Amino acid sequence: MCVASRNLLCLTMTGTLALGLALTGCESIGSRTTAPKAAGPRAIQVGEVAVVDEERRFVLIDLESSLYVPAPGAALRTLQGSTETGQLKVSPERKRPFIAADIRDGEPKVGDRVVQ
């Protein structure tokens, strides 16, 4: 094989290899942009605000026959639709199906959803 033929063969093989690597790189970049994003932590549905005592800054939460009961001191949020209306802290007082929580921030209303 002559030197010119050997150089052409090397150039062709190198070009093919480079093209293959370039296409593989482009393909992996494209697949990263279309991959689904991991969902954030889901809120745990606790219940619904049944009573609001604005003067003493606490609420009673109806657990709505929920099996999940947050521990005293747990942080909760109240929602009206997708809007946060308040932040709560669970109190030790409880009598099924109700638990009490102190209002830390916001103005929760009767009927607001309570999530953790």
PDB file of N, CA and C in Angstrom:
ATOM      1  N   MET A   1       0.862  -1.163   0.000  1.00  0.00           N
ATOM      2  CA  MET A   1       0.000   0.000   0.000  1.00  0.00           C
ATOM      3  C   MET A   1       0.907   1.224   0.000  1.00  0.00           C
ATOM      4  N   CYS A   2       0.604   2.182  -0.838  1.00  0.00           N
ATOM      5  CA  CYS A   2       1.434   3.390  -0.930  1.00  0.00           C
ATOM      6  C   CYS A   2       1.120   4.341   0.207  1.00  0.00           C
ATOM      7  N   VAL A   3       1.987   5.303   0.446  1.00  0.00           N
ATOM      8  CA  VAL A   3       1.855   6.260   1.545  1.00  0.00           C
ATOM      9  C   VAL A   3       0.577   7.078   1.389  1.00  0.00           C
ATOM     10  N   ALA A   4       0.236   7.519   0.187  1.00  0.00           N
ATOM     11  CA  ALA A   4      -0.964   8.325  -0.052  1.00  0.00           C
ATOM     12  C   ALA A   4      -2.210   7.529   0.272  1.00  0.00           C
ATOM     13  N   SER A   5      -2.267   6.268  -0.104  1.00  0.00           N
ATOM     14  CA  SER A   5      -3.429   5.424   0.172  1.00  0.00           C
ATOM     15  C   SER A   5      -3.567   5.194   1.671  1.00  0.00           C
ATOM     16  N   ARG A   6      -2.419   4.965   2.341  1.00  0.00           N
ATOM     17  CA  ARG A   6      -2.436   4.718   3.770  1.00  0.00           C
ATOM     18  C   ARG A   6      -2.909   5.974   4.515  1.00  0.00           C
ATOM     19  N   ASN A   7      -2.467   7.154   4.098  1.00  0.00           N
ATOM     20  CA  ASN A   7      -2.894   8.403   4.740  1.00  0.00           C
ATOM     21  C   ASN A   7      -4.390   8.636   4.529  1.00  0.00           C
ATOM     22  N   LEU A   8      -4.898   8.341   3.342  1.00  0.00           N
ATOM     23  CA  LEU A   8      -6.318   8.505   3.044  1.00  0.00           C
ATOM     24  C   LEU A   8      -7.157   7.562   3.898  1.00  0.00           C
ATOM     25  N   LEU A   9      -6.671   6.313   4.043  1.00  0.00           N
ATOM     26  CA  LEU A   9      -7.373   5.325   4.863  1.00  0.00           C
ATOM     27  C   LEU A   9      -7.404   5.796   6.322  1.00  0.00           C
ATOM     28  N   CYS A  10      -6.282   6.262   6.851  1.00  0.00           N
ATOM     29  CA  CYS A  10      -6.222   6.763   8.233  1.00  0.00           C
ATOM     30  C   CYS A  10      -7.143   7.964   8.427  1.00  0.00           C
ATOM     31  N   LEU A  11      -7.145   8.863   7.448  1.00  0.00           N
ATOM     32  CA  LEU A  11      -7.983  10.043   7.525  1.00  0.00           C
ATOM     33  C   LEU A  11      -9.454   9.658   7.521  1.00  0.00           C
ATOM     34  N   THR A  12      -9.817   8.709   6.668  1.00  0.00           N
ATOM     35  CA  THR A  12     -11.210   8.255   6.575  1.00  0.00           C
ATOM     36  C   THR A  12     -11.627   7.591   7.889  1.00  0.00           C
ATOM     37  N   MET A  13     -10.769   6.737   8.440  1.00  0.00           N
ATOM     38  CA  MET A  13     -11.108   6.058   9.698  1.00  0.00           C
ATOM     39  C   MET A  13     -11.211   7.060  10.835  1.00  0.00           C
ATOM     40  N   THR A  14     -10.300   8.013  10.892  1.00  0.00           N
ATOM     41  CA  THR A  14     -10.330   9.039  11.935  1.00  0.00           C
ATOM     42  C   THR A  14     -11.581   9.895  11.799  1.00  0.00           C
ATOM     43  N   GLY A  15     -11.923  10.273  10.575  1.00  0.00           N
ATOM     44  CA  GLY A  15     -13.124  11.079  10.339  1.00  0.00           C
ATOM     45  C   GLY A  15     -14.391  10.344  10.730  1.00  0.00           C
ATOM     46  N   THR A  16     -14.445   9.047  10.399  1.00  0.00           N
ATOM     47  CA  THR A  16     -15.611   8.241  10.758  1.00  0.00           C
ATOM     48  C   THR A  16     -15.742   8.129  12.265  1.00  0.00           C
ATOM     49  N   LEU A  17     -14.607   7.889  12.940  1.00  0.00           N
ATOM     50  CA  LEU A  17     -14.617   7.793  14.395  1.00  0.00           C
ATOM     51  C   LEU A  17     -15.053   9.117  15.021  1.00  0.00           C
ATOM     52  N   ALA A  18     -14.504  10.221  14.521  1.00  0.00           N
ATOM     53  CA  ALA A  18     -14.864  11.535  15.058  1.00  0.00           C
ATOM     54  C   ALA A  18     -16.331  11.840  14.828  1.00  0.00           C
ATOM     55  N   LEU A  19     -16.853  11.492  13.639  1.00  0.00           N
ATOM     56  CA  LEU A  19     -18.266  11.718  13.336  1.00  0.00           C
ATOM     57  C   LEU A  19     -19.146  10.884  14.251  1.00  0.00           C
ATOM     58  N   GLY A  20     -18.751   9.645  14.480  1.00  0.00           N
ATOM     59  CA  GLY A  20     -19.511   8.773  15.381  1.00  0.00           C
ATOM     60  C   GLY A  20     -19.556   9.318  16.799  1.00  0.00           C
ATOM     61  N   LEU A  21     -18.403   9.774  17.281  1.00  0.00           N
ATOM     62  CA  LEU A  21     -18.365  10.349  18.631  1.00  0.00           C
ATOM     63  C   LEU A  21     -19.199  11.622  18.717  1.00  0.00           C
ATOM     64  N   ALA A  22     -19.127  12.449  17.679  1.00  0.00           N
ATOM     65  CA  ALA A  22     -19.891  13.695  17.674  1.00  0.00           C
ATOM     66  C   ALA A  22     -21.386  13.416  17.687  1.00  0.00           C
ATOM     67  N   LEU A  23     -21.814  12.440  16.886  1.00  0.00           N
ATOM     68  CA  LEU A  23     -23.243  12.115  16.842  1.00  0.00           C
ATOM     69  C   LEU A  23     -23.707  11.516  18.157  1.00  0.00           C
ATOM     70  N   THR A  24     -22.877  10.683  18.761  1.00  0.00           N
ATOM     71  CA  THR A  24     -23.232  10.105  20.054  1.00  0.00           C
ATOM     72  C   THR A  24     -23.362  11.203  21.102  1.00  0.00           C
ATOM     73  N   GLY A  25     -22.432  12.151  21.086  1.00  0.00           N
ATOM     74  CA  GLY A  25     -22.497  13.269  22.032  1.00  0.00           C
ATOM     75  C   GLY A  25     -23.746  14.094  21.832  1.00  0.00           C
ATOM     76  N   CYS A  26     -24.122  14.376  20.599  1.00  0.00           N
ATOM     77  CA  CYS A  26     -25.324  15.158  20.330  1.00  0.00           C
ATOM     78  C   CYS A  26     -26.567  14.406  20.771  1.00  0.00           C
ATOM     79  N   GLU A  27     -26.553  13.099  20.538  1.00  0.00           N
ATOM     80  CA  GLU A  27     -27.714  12.301  20.919  1.00  0.00           C
ATOM     81  C   GLU A  27     -27.904  12.306  22.423  1.00  0.00           C
ATOM     82  N   SER A  28     -26.797  12.176  23.179  1.00  0.00           N
ATOM     83  CA  SER A  28     -26.945  12.145  24.629  1.00  0.00           C
ATOM     84  C   SER A  28     -27.364  13.503  25.174  1.00  0.00           C
ATOM     85  N   ILE A  29     -26.925  14.591  24.538  1.00  0.00           N
ATOM     86  CA  ILE A  29     -27.350  15.924  24.972  1.00  0.00           C
ATOM     87  C   ILE A  29     -28.842  16.095  24.718  1.00  0.00           C
ATOM     88  N   GLY A  30     -29.314  15.664  23.558  1.00  0.00           N
ATOM     89  CA  GLY A  30     -30.734  15.772  23.237  1.00  0.00           C
ATOM     90  C   GLY A  30     -31.588  14.949  24.177  1.00  0.00           C
ATOM     91  N   SER A  31     -31.097  13.757  24.548  1.00  0.00           N
ATOM     92  CA  SER A  31     -31.896  12.920  25.425  1.00  0.00           C
ATOM     93  C   SER A  31     -31.964  13.494  26.832  1.00  0.00           C
ATOM     94  N   ARG A  32     -30.939  14.246  27.257  1.00  0.00           N
ATOM     95  CA  ARG A  32     -30.986  14.859  28.577  1.00  0.00           C
ATOM     96  C   ARG A  32     -32.047  15.943  28.654  1.00  0.00           C
ATOM     97  N   THR A  33     -32.253  16.668  27.572  1.00  0.00           N
ATOM     98  CA  THR A  33     -33.223  17.758  27.622  1.00  0.00           C
ATOM     99  C   THR A  33     -34.654  17.245  27.585  1.00  0.00           C
ATOM    100  N   THR A  34     -34.870  16.031  27.097  1.00  0.00           N
ATOM    101  CA  THR A  34     -36.235  15.512  27.025  1.00  0.00           C
ATOM    102  C   THR A  34     -36.548  14.563  28.176  1.00  0.00           C
ATOM    103  N   ALA A  35     -35.573  14.256  29.020  1.00  0.00           N
ATOM    104  CA  ALA A  35     -35.818  13.355  30.138  1.00  0.00           C
ATOM    105  C   ALA A  35     -36.738  14.035  31.146  1.00  0.00           C
ATOM    106  N   PRO A  36     -37.682  13.281  31.720  1.00  0.00           N
ATOM    107  CA  PRO A  36     -38.585  13.892  32.702  1.00  0.00           C
ATOM    108  C   PRO A  36     -37.835  14.295  33.957  1.00  0.00           C
ATOM    109  N   LYS A  37     -38.233  15.402  34.535  1.00  0.00           N
ATOM    110  CA  LYS A  37     -37.612  15.877  35.768  1.00  0.00           C
ATOM    111  C   LYS A  37     -38.213  15.122  36.943  1.00  0.00           C
ATOM    112  N   ALA A  38     -37.397  14.894  37.945  1.00  0.00           N
ATOM    113  CA  ALA A  38     -37.870  14.219  39.143  1.00  0.00           C
ATOM    114  C   ALA A  38     -38.834  15.136  39.880  1.00  0.00           C
ATOM    115  N   ALA A  39     -39.938  14.581  40.319  1.00  0.00           N
ATOM    116  CA  ALA A  39     -40.932  15.361  41.045  1.00  0.00           C
ATOM    117  C   ALA A  39     -40.435  15.635  42.455  1.00  0.00           C
ATOM    118  N   GLY A  40     -40.793  16.803  42.988  1.00  0.00           N
ATOM    119  CA  GLY A  40     -40.419  17.151  44.348  1.00  0.00           C
ATOM    120  C   GLY A  40     -41.219  16.328  45.340  1.00  0.00           C
ATOM    121  N   PRO A  41     -40.910  16.443  46.585  1.00  0.00           N
ATOM    122  CA  PRO A  41     -41.643  15.682  47.584  1.00  0.00           C
ATOM    123  C   PRO A  41     -43.118  16.064  47.591  1.00  0.00           C
ATOM    124  N   ARG A  42     -43.947  15.093  47.680  1.00  0.00           N
ATOM    125  CA  ARG A  42     -45.379  15.352  47.666  1.00  0.00           C
ATOM    126  C   ARG A  42     -45.857  15.714  49.066  1.00  0.00           C
ATOM    127  N   ALA A  43     -46.837  16.608  49.123  1.00  0.00           N
ATOM    128  CA  ALA A  43     -47.417  17.012  50.401  1.00  0.00           C
ATOM    129  C   ALA A  43     -48.319  15.895  50.912  1.00  0.00           C
ATOM    130  N   ILE A  44     -48.260  15.651  52.205  1.00  0.00           N
ATOM    131  CA  ILE A  44     -49.117  14.646  52.828  1.00  0.00           C
ATOM    132  C   ILE A  44     -50.383  15.342  53.291  1.00  0.00           C
ATOM    133  N   GLN A  45     -51.530  14.876  52.801  1.00  0.00           N
ATOM    134  CA  GLN A  45     -52.819  15.432  53.190  1.00  0.00           C
ATOM    135  C   GLN A  45     -53.108  15.028  54.635  1.00  0.00           C
ATOM    136  N   VAL A  46     -53.327  16.011  55.503  1.00  0.00           N
ATOM    137  CA  VAL A  46     -53.593  15.745  56.908  1.00  0.00           C
ATOM    138  C   VAL A  46     -55.080  15.830  57.211  1.00  0.00           C
ATOM    139  N   GLY A  47     -55.729  16.889  56.748  1.00  0.00           N
ATOM    140  CA  GLY A  47     -57.143  17.078  57.026  1.00  0.00           C
ATOM    141  C   GLY A  47     -57.606  18.443  56.591  1.00  0.00           C
ATOM    142  N   GLU A  48     -58.553  18.998  57.358  1.00  0.00           N
ATOM    143  CA  GLU A  48     -59.149  20.289  57.022  1.00  0.00           C
ATOM    144  C   GLU A  48     -59.329  21.104  58.296  1.00  0.00           C
ATOM    145  N   VAL A  49     -59.160  22.429  58.174  1.00  0.00           N
ATOM    146  CA  VAL A  49     -59.358  23.314  59.327  1.00  0.00           C
ATOM    147  C   VAL A  49     -60.845  23.315  59.669  1.00  0.00           C
ATOM    148  N   ALA A  50     -61.154  22.943  60.923  1.00  0.00           N
ATOM    149  CA  ALA A  50     -62.550  22.883  61.375  1.00  0.00           C
ATOM    150  C   ALA A  50     -62.918  24.094  62.226  1.00  0.00           C
ATOM    151  N   VAL A  51     -61.958  24.593  63.009  1.00  0.00           N
ATOM    152  CA  VAL A  51     -62.192  25.728  63.908  1.00  0.00           C
ATOM    153  C   VAL A  51     -60.947  26.600  63.904  1.00  0.00           C
ATOM    154  N   VAL A  52     -61.166  27.928  63.900  1.00  0.00           N
ATOM    155  CA  VAL A  52     -60.055  28.873  64.013  1.00  0.00           C
ATOM    156  C   VAL A  52     -60.335  29.764  65.219  1.00  0.00           C
ATOM    157  N   ASP A  53     -59.409  29.785  66.165  1.00  0.00           N
ATOM    158  CA  ASP A  53     -59.487  30.695  67.302  1.00  0.00           C
ATOM    159  C   ASP A  53     -58.426  31.763  67.062  1.00  0.00           C
ATOM    160  N   GLU A  54     -58.850  32.882  66.480  1.00  0.00           N
ATOM    161  CA  GLU A  54     -57.904  33.946  66.118  1.00  0.00           C
ATOM    162  C   GLU A  54     -57.308  34.619  67.351  1.00  0.00           C
ATOM    163  N   GLU A  55     -58.089  34.728  68.414  1.00  0.00           N
ATOM    164  CA  GLU A  55     -57.606  35.387  69.627  1.00  0.00           C
ATOM    165  C   GLU A  55     -56.470  34.597  70.275  1.00  0.00           C
ATOM    166  N   ARG A  56     -56.625  33.285  70.372  1.00  0.00           N
ATOM    167  CA  ARG A  56     -55.592  32.447  70.992  1.00  0.00           C
ATOM    168  C   ARG A  56     -54.626  31.851  69.975  1.00  0.00           C
ATOM    169  N   ARG A  57     -54.832  32.160  68.703  1.00  0.00           N
ATOM    170  CA  ARG A  57     -53.949  31.768  67.598  1.00  0.00           C
ATOM    171  C   ARG A  57     -53.739  30.253  67.508  1.00  0.00           C
ATOM    172  N   PHE A  58     -54.865  29.512  67.444  1.00  0.00           N
ATOM    173  CA  PHE A  58     -54.766  28.078  67.195  1.00  0.00           C
ATOM    174  C   PHE A  58     -55.937  27.636  66.327  1.00  0.00           C
ATOM    175  N   VAL A  59     -55.779  26.449  65.743  1.00  0.00           N
ATOM    176  CA  VAL A  59     -56.846  25.857  64.929  1.00  0.00           C
ATOM    177  C   VAL A  59     -57.079  24.436  65.408  1.00  0.00           C
ATOM    178  N   LEU A  60     -58.289  23.935  65.134  1.00  0.00           N
ATOM    179  CA  LEU A  60     -58.579  22.518  65.283  1.00  0.00           C
ATOM    180  C   LEU A  60     -58.641  21.940  63.881  1.00  0.00           C
ATOM    181  N   ILE A  61     -57.957  20.851  63.686  1.00  0.00           N
ATOM    182  CA  ILE A  61     -57.897  20.202  62.381  1.00  0.00           C
ATOM    183  C   ILE A  61     -58.702  18.915  62.441  1.00  0.00           C
ATOM    184  N   ASP A  62     -59.664  18.775  61.528  1.00  0.00           N
ATOM    185  CA  ASP A  62     -60.430  17.545  61.393  1.00  0.00           C
ATOM    186  C   ASP A  62     -59.604  16.610  60.519  1.00  0.00           C
ATOM    187  N   LEU A  63     -59.213  15.473  61.073  1.00  0.00           N
ATOM    188  CA  LEU A  63     -58.369  14.529  60.342  1.00  0.00           C
ATOM    189  C   LEU A  63     -59.114  13.792  59.236  1.00  0.00           C
ATOM    190  N   GLU A  64     -60.432  13.979  59.153  1.00  0.00           N
ATOM    191  CA  GLU A  64     -61.239  13.392  58.083  1.00  0.00           C
ATOM    192  C   GLU A  64     -60.992  11.898  57.928  1.00  0.00           C
ATOM    193  N   SER A  65     -60.995  11.177  59.017  1.00  0.00           N
ATOM    194  CA  SER A  65     -60.758   9.729  59.050  1.00  0.00           C
ATOM    195  C   SER A  65     -59.428   9.343  58.404  1.00  0.00           C
ATOM    196  N   SER A  66     -58.463  10.260  58.430  1.00  0.00           N
ATOM    197  CA  SER A  66     -57.131   9.984  57.912  1.00  0.00           C
ATOM    198  C   SER A  66     -56.394   9.048  58.859  1.00  0.00           C
ATOM    199  N   LEU A  67     -55.633   8.136  58.307  1.00  0.00           N
ATOM    200  CA  LEU A  67     -54.833   7.241  59.144  1.00  0.00           C
ATOM    201  C   LEU A  67     -53.563   7.935  59.622  1.00  0.00           C
ATOM    202  N   TYR A  68     -53.173   8.998  58.901  1.00  0.00           N
ATOM    203  CA  TYR A  68     -51.943   9.716  59.255  1.00  0.00           C
ATOM    204  C   TYR A  68     -52.246  10.785  60.295  1.00  0.00           C
ATOM    205  N   VAL A  69     -51.525  10.735  61.409  1.00  0.00           N
ATOM    206  CA  VAL A  69     -51.660  11.747  62.457  1.00  0.00           C
ATOM    207  C   VAL A  69     -50.263  12.328  62.700  1.00  0.00           C
ATOM    208  N   PRO A  70     -50.056  13.622  62.383  1.00  0.00           N
ATOM    209  CA  PRO A  70     -48.730  14.211  62.586  1.00  0.00           C
ATOM    210  C   PRO A  70     -48.376  14.297  64.067  1.00  0.00           C
ATOM    211  N   ALA A  71     -47.108  14.155  64.349  1.00  0.00           N
ATOM    212  CA  ALA A  71     -46.607  14.192  65.723  1.00  0.00           C
ATOM    213  C   ALA A  71     -46.630  15.616  66.261  1.00  0.00           C
ATOM    214  N   PRO A  72     -46.743  15.766  67.593  1.00  0.00           N
ATOM    215  CA  PRO A  72     -46.645  17.103  68.183  1.00  0.00           C
ATOM    216  C   PRO A  72     -45.331  17.775  67.770  1.00  0.00           C
ATOM    217  N   GLY A  73     -45.427  19.062  67.412  1.00  0.00           N
ATOM    218  CA  GLY A  73     -44.257  19.811  66.973  1.00  0.00           C
ATOM    219  C   GLY A  73     -44.061  19.807  65.464  1.00  0.00           C
ATOM    220  N   ALA A  74     -44.806  18.968  64.743  1.00  0.00           N
ATOM    221  CA  ALA A  74     -44.661  18.901  63.285  1.00  0.00           C
ATOM    222  C   ALA A  74     -45.153  20.194  62.643  1.00  0.00           C
ATOM    223  N   ALA A  75     -44.467  20.608  61.590  1.00  0.00           N
ATOM    224  CA  ALA A  75     -44.852  21.807  60.843  1.00  0.00           C
ATOM    225  C   ALA A  75     -45.881  21.428  59.789  1.00  0.00           C
ATOM    226  N   LEU A  76     -46.961  22.207  59.717  1.00  0.00           N
ATOM    227  CA  LEU A  76     -48.016  21.994  58.733  1.00  0.00           C
ATOM    228  C   LEU A  76     -48.268  23.291  57.977  1.00  0.00           C
ATOM    229  N   ARG A  77     -48.931  23.172  56.832  1.00  0.00           N
ATOM    230  CA  ARG A  77     -49.337  24.342  56.051  1.00  0.00           C
ATOM    231  C   ARG A  77     -50.826  24.239  55.763  1.00  0.00           C
ATOM    232  N   THR A  78     -51.493  25.392  55.681  1.00  0.00           N
ATOM    233  CA  THR A  78     -52.891  25.414  55.271  1.00  0.00           C
ATOM    234  C   THR A  78     -52.961  25.995  53.869  1.00  0.00           C
ATOM    235  N   LEU A  79     -53.843  25.426  53.061  1.00  0.00           N
ATOM    236  CA  LEU A  79     -53.978  25.832  51.667  1.00  0.00           C
ATOM    237  C   LEU A  79     -55.427  26.083  51.318  1.00  0.00           C
ATOM    238  N   GLN A  80     -55.643  27.107  50.520  1.00  0.00           N
ATOM    239  CA  GLN A  80     -56.949  27.378  49.935  1.00  0.00           C
ATOM    240  C   GLN A  80     -56.708  27.295  48.431  1.00  0.00           C
ATOM    241  N   GLY A  81     -57.138  26.189  47.828  1.00  0.00           N
ATOM    242  CA  GLY A  81     -56.758  25.911  46.448  1.00  0.00           C
ATOM    243  C   GLY A  81     -55.278  25.597  46.452  1.00  0.00           C
ATOM    244  N   SER A  82     -54.482  26.327  45.660  1.00  0.00           N
ATOM    245  CA  SER A  82     -53.037  26.112  45.659  1.00  0.00           C
ATOM    246  C   SER A  82     -52.297  27.233  46.402  1.00  0.00           C
ATOM    247  N   THR A  83     -53.054  28.132  47.044  1.00  0.00           N
ATOM    248  CA  THR A  83     -52.457  29.264  47.757  1.00  0.00           C
ATOM    249  C   THR A  83     -52.287  28.933  49.238  1.00  0.00           C
ATOM    250  N   GLU A  84     -51.065  29.119  49.738  1.00  0.00           N
ATOM    251  CA  GLU A  84     -50.812  28.889  51.153  1.00  0.00           C
ATOM    252  C   GLU A  84     -51.430  30.015  51.967  1.00  0.00           C
ATOM    253  N   THR A  85     -52.220  29.645  52.985  1.00  0.00           N
ATOM    254  CA  THR A  85     -52.881  30.645  53.820  1.00  0.00           C
ATOM    255  C   THR A  85     -52.302  30.718  55.223  1.00  0.00           C
ATOM    256  N   GLY A  86     -51.526  29.711  55.625  1.00  0.00           N
ATOM    257  CA  GLY A  86     -50.970  29.740  56.959  1.00  0.00           C
ATOM    258  C   GLY A  86     -49.951  28.651  57.202  1.00  0.00           C
ATOM    259  N   GLN A  87     -49.196  28.852  58.284  1.00  0.00           N
ATOM    260  CA  GLN A  87     -48.225  27.862  58.741  1.00  0.00           C
ATOM    261  C   GLN A  87     -48.560  27.522  60.178  1.00  0.00           C
ATOM    262  N   LEU A  88     -48.571  26.230  60.475  1.00  0.00           N
ATOM    263  CA  LEU A  88     -48.998  25.742  61.783  1.00  0.00           C
ATOM    264  C   LEU A  88     -47.920  24.879  62.418  1.00  0.00           C
ATOM    265  N   LYS A  89     -48.059  24.700  63.738  1.00  0.00           N
ATOM    266  CA  LYS A  89     -47.217  23.761  64.478  1.00  0.00           C
ATOM    267  C   LYS A  89     -48.152  22.917  65.338  1.00  0.00           C
ATOM    268  N   VAL A  90     -48.082  21.604  65.170  1.00  0.00           N
ATOM    269  CA  VAL A  90     -48.991  20.687  65.861  1.00  0.00           C
ATOM    270  C   VAL A  90     -48.756  20.742  67.363  1.00  0.00           C
ATOM    271  N   SER A  91     -49.849  20.856  68.108  1.00  0.00           N
ATOM    272  CA  SER A  91     -49.820  20.858  69.577  1.00  0.00           C
ATOM    273  C   SER A  91     -50.011  19.433  70.090  1.00  0.00           C
ATOM    274  N   PRO A  92     -49.681  19.178  71.352  1.00  0.00           N
ATOM    275  CA  PRO A  92     -49.888  17.830  71.896  1.00  0.00           C
ATOM    276  C   PRO A  92     -51.368  17.474  72.090  1.00  0.00           C
ATOM    277  N   GLU A  93     -52.240  18.502  72.190  1.00  0.00           N
ATOM    278  CA  GLU A  93     -53.655  18.241  72.437  1.00  0.00           C
ATOM    279  C   GLU A  93     -54.291  17.570  71.219  1.00  0.00           C
ATOM    280  N   ARG A  94     -55.031  16.490  71.498  1.00  0.00           N
ATOM    281  CA  ARG A  94     -55.720  15.779  70.424  1.00  0.00           C
ATOM    282  C   ARG A  94     -56.844  14.938  70.983  1.00  0.00           C
ATOM    283  N   LYS A  95     -57.916  14.882  70.251  1.00  0.00           N
ATOM    284  CA  LYS A  95     -59.044  14.012  70.565  1.00  0.00           C
ATOM    285  C   LYS A  95     -59.652  13.622  69.230  1.00  0.00           C
ATOM    286  N   ARG A  96     -59.424  12.409  68.834  1.00  0.00           N
ATOM    287  CA  ARG A  96     -59.850  11.902  67.535  1.00  0.00           C
ATOM    288  C   ARG A  96     -61.278  12.300  67.261  1.00  0.00           C
ATOM    289  N   PRO A  97     -61.633  12.852  66.142  1.00  0.00           N
ATOM    290  CA  PRO A  97     -60.869  13.020  64.920  1.00  0.00           C
ATOM    291  C   PRO A  97     -60.178  14.377  64.810  1.00  0.00           C
ATOM    292  N   PHE A  98     -59.966  15.094  65.937  1.00  0.00           N
ATOM    293  CA  PHE A  98     -59.371  16.427  65.879  1.00  0.00           C
ATOM    294  C   PHE A  98     -57.986  16.450  66.513  1.00  0.00           C
ATOM    295  N   ILE A  99     -57.139  17.338  65.967  1.00  0.00           N
ATOM    296  CA  ILE A  99     -55.873  17.684  66.613  1.00  0.00           C
ATOM    297  C   ILE A  99     -55.801  19.210  66.627  1.00  0.00           C
ATOM    298  N   ALA A 100     -55.046  19.746  67.575  1.00  0.00           N
ATOM    299  CA  ALA A 100     -54.875  21.195  67.670  1.00  0.00           C
ATOM    300  C   ALA A 100     -53.517  21.579  67.103  1.00  0.00           C
ATOM    301  N   ALA A 101     -53.431  22.799  66.562  1.00  0.00           N
ATOM    302  CA  ALA A 101     -52.164  23.318  66.056  1.00  0.00           C
ATOM    303  C   ALA A 101     -52.117  24.821  66.272  1.00  0.00           C
ATOM    304  N   ASP A 102     -50.946  25.308  66.673  1.00  0.00           N
ATOM    305  CA  ASP A 102     -50.741  26.741  66.862  1.00  0.00           C
ATOM    306  C   ASP A 102     -50.531  27.400  65.505  1.00  0.00           C
ATOM    307  N   ILE A 103     -51.095  28.596  65.336  1.00  0.00           N
ATOM    308  CA  ILE A 103     -50.889  29.367  64.106  1.00  0.00           C
ATOM    309  C   ILE A 103     -49.561  30.097  64.242  1.00  0.00           C
ATOM    310  N   ARG A 104     -48.608  29.767  63.379  1.00  0.00           N
ATOM    311  CA  ARG A 104     -47.294  30.403  63.396  1.00  0.00           C
ATOM    312  C   ARG A 104     -47.253  31.614  62.484  1.00  0.00           C
ATOM    313  N   ASP A 105     -47.992  31.537  61.354  1.00  0.00           N
ATOM    314  CA  ASP A 105     -47.975  32.621  60.385  1.00  0.00           C
ATOM    315  C   ASP A 105     -49.218  32.505  59.512  1.00  0.00           C
ATOM    316  N   GLY A 106     -49.661  33.637  58.991  1.00  0.00           N
ATOM    317  CA  GLY A 106     -50.782  33.646  58.066  1.00  0.00           C
ATOM    318  C   GLY A 106     -52.130  33.708  58.753  1.00  0.00           C
ATOM    319  N   GLU A 107     -53.175  33.504  57.949  1.00  0.00           N
ATOM    320  CA  GLU A 107     -54.549  33.560  58.440  1.00  0.00           C
ATOM    321  C   GLU A 107     -55.350  32.400  57.885  1.00  0.00           C
ATOM    322  N   PRO A 108     -55.182  31.207  58.471  1.00  0.00           N
ATOM    323  CA  PRO A 108     -55.965  30.065  57.996  1.00  0.00           C
ATOM    324  C   PRO A 108     -57.452  30.287  58.254  1.00  0.00           C
ATOM    325  N   LYS A 109     -58.264  29.724  57.389  1.00  0.00           N
ATOM    326  CA  LYS A 109     -59.721  29.849  57.490  1.00  0.00           C
ATOM    327  C   LYS A 109     -60.345  28.466  57.592  1.00  0.00           C
ATOM    328  N   VAL A 110     -61.539  28.417  58.160  1.00  0.00           N
ATOM    329  CA  VAL A 110     -62.300  27.162  58.212  1.00  0.00           C
ATOM    330  C   VAL A 110     -62.475  26.653  56.781  1.00  0.00           C
ATOM    331  N   GLY A 111     -62.196  25.368  56.601  1.00  0.00           N
ATOM    332  CA  GLY A 111     -62.314  24.757  55.281  1.00  0.00           C
ATOM    333  C   GLY A 111     -60.999  24.643  54.523  1.00  0.00           C
ATOM    334  N   ASP A 112     -59.957  25.352  54.972  1.00  0.00           N
ATOM    335  CA  ASP A 112     -58.657  25.231  54.310  1.00  0.00           C
ATOM    336  C   ASP A 112     -58.121  23.806  54.458  1.00  0.00           C
ATOM    337  N   ARG A 113     -57.448  23.322  53.412  1.00  0.00           N
ATOM    338  CA  ARG A 113     -56.775  22.011  53.476  1.00  0.00           C
ATOM    339  C   ARG A 113     -55.531  22.148  54.331  1.00  0.00           C
ATOM    340  N   VAL A 114     -55.208  21.083  55.057  1.00  0.00           N
ATOM    341  CA  VAL A 114     -54.008  21.057  55.883  1.00  0.00           C
ATOM    342  C   VAL A 114     -53.088  19.960  55.343  1.00  0.00           C
ATOM    343  N   VAL A 115     -51.840  20.349  55.055  1.00  0.00           N
ATOM    344  CA  VAL A 115     -50.865  19.397  54.518  1.00  0.00           C
ATOM    345  C   VAL A 115     -49.565  19.501  55.292  1.00  0.00           C
ATOM    346  N   GLN A 116     -48.787  18.426  55.195  1.00  0.00           N
ATOM    347  CA  GLN A 116     -47.454  18.453  55.804  1.00  0.00           C
ATOM    348  C   GLN A 116     -46.424  18.335  54.723  1.00  0.00           C
TER     349      GLN A 116
END
